[in-house]
């Protein structure tokens, strides 16, 4: 049994002082607010503000190698995509494992205890399967294990370069050739993942561009019983092309295929009609916002508050890893709404913190809370740094002041995975990205 004394902690929906937690078997077995007269053994003291583990609901690990490169010069999402294809073409299972390990360690050091990895680099660059068909997926899972972070492996169906057109050469490694073959392969991964305590295997529709209308129900059926994620309406062009091909918006197309609902997460949801907002809200679909990527790529600002008010649930991700910092993602949701509306106060700090600690959309409903029986994740922030000092040491500090650099200590499933050595995290990232990019 391990015990910690948390100087301040976010418990339920409030910050309280002097919380003693006991951990055994990777779960909280005791959570007690200490009275002033308490004189017993308190355990290891964690000064600062301690939060439940954060959930990065949308990641492409290999995109981390693009940081500082794609920002040089101008362009659009589509020109950025060509640079992304170049990085993808350099990876094999060994290099992917090394890069992903360094990236997942960066996430853990930023307080992320679960990552949703949107995985579509299935094969060799020419589309030939590896001798182990799931070599790239297993490289990601092993990287997460090495870094100490849980992973939701979102095995992605990708069949077309756009609304039925065959994959381009750079996309050949993404495709299993048919939805039926993909479904068989992802079922194998799901059976394997059931025995892995730090792994949840879900499914993903890359986009309505990449999975033709006739194949969508196959993916939905294969995903049943687990998480289903999909890129949605990130670009205006996707909406225009979808209407031209099928006569409906991407959201309407997903609803037609039975893809919307409480087990589904749509990522971005940037360019929606009012009817699309209602569809996502009334079905209880989760919307994952990735505002640092959306602003980096010039995608636009999604209607986060309108979606919430319609009934959709919010989660957050770092996507292309222009920034790996869920504190920045949290406040960016509110700040982007301010830019779009010229008005402040759309989201409370408590609501945004709840979004950042939602693990259920990744298949880990027992994480994201400091309570008895939950997975024992603790993320401690220093409250005396130049960014956090004097801000109140409460949820406002976490959402509107802190950065990933203020994280001092991270526990995942009862194990310490980060103790403040940011320099080591940076060295590993530098070495692996230099090795990959030359």
Foldseek 3Di string as FASTA:
>chain_A
DAKEWEQWECFDQWIDGTWIWDADQQFTADIDRDDPVDDDDRGHYFYFYKFFFFEFEEAAQQLQLCAPPVLPDDDFPVVVVVVVLVLLLLDDLVLLLLSLLLSLLLLVLLRHQEYEHADQQQDHLQQHADPPRRSNVVSNCVSCVNLNHAYADALEAFAAPFQPHGDDSSCSSRHPNALVSSLVVLVVVQVVQVPPPRYHYAYEYAFCTGAHLVSLLSRQVSRPPAAYEYEAPLAPVQQVRCCVNPVDGRLVSCVVSVNAACRYEYEDQADDDPVSLLSNAVRQYEYEYQQVVSVSNVSHQRPVLSSVVSHHAYAYHNYSPNDSKLLVVLQSNQVSVCVVPVDHDSDDLSSSLQRRQCCVNSPQNLGSHRDGPRRDKMWGFHQCDPQRDPVPSISCSSRPTDTSLRTAWIAGSRHTSHHNPVVVSVVSNVVSSVVSPD
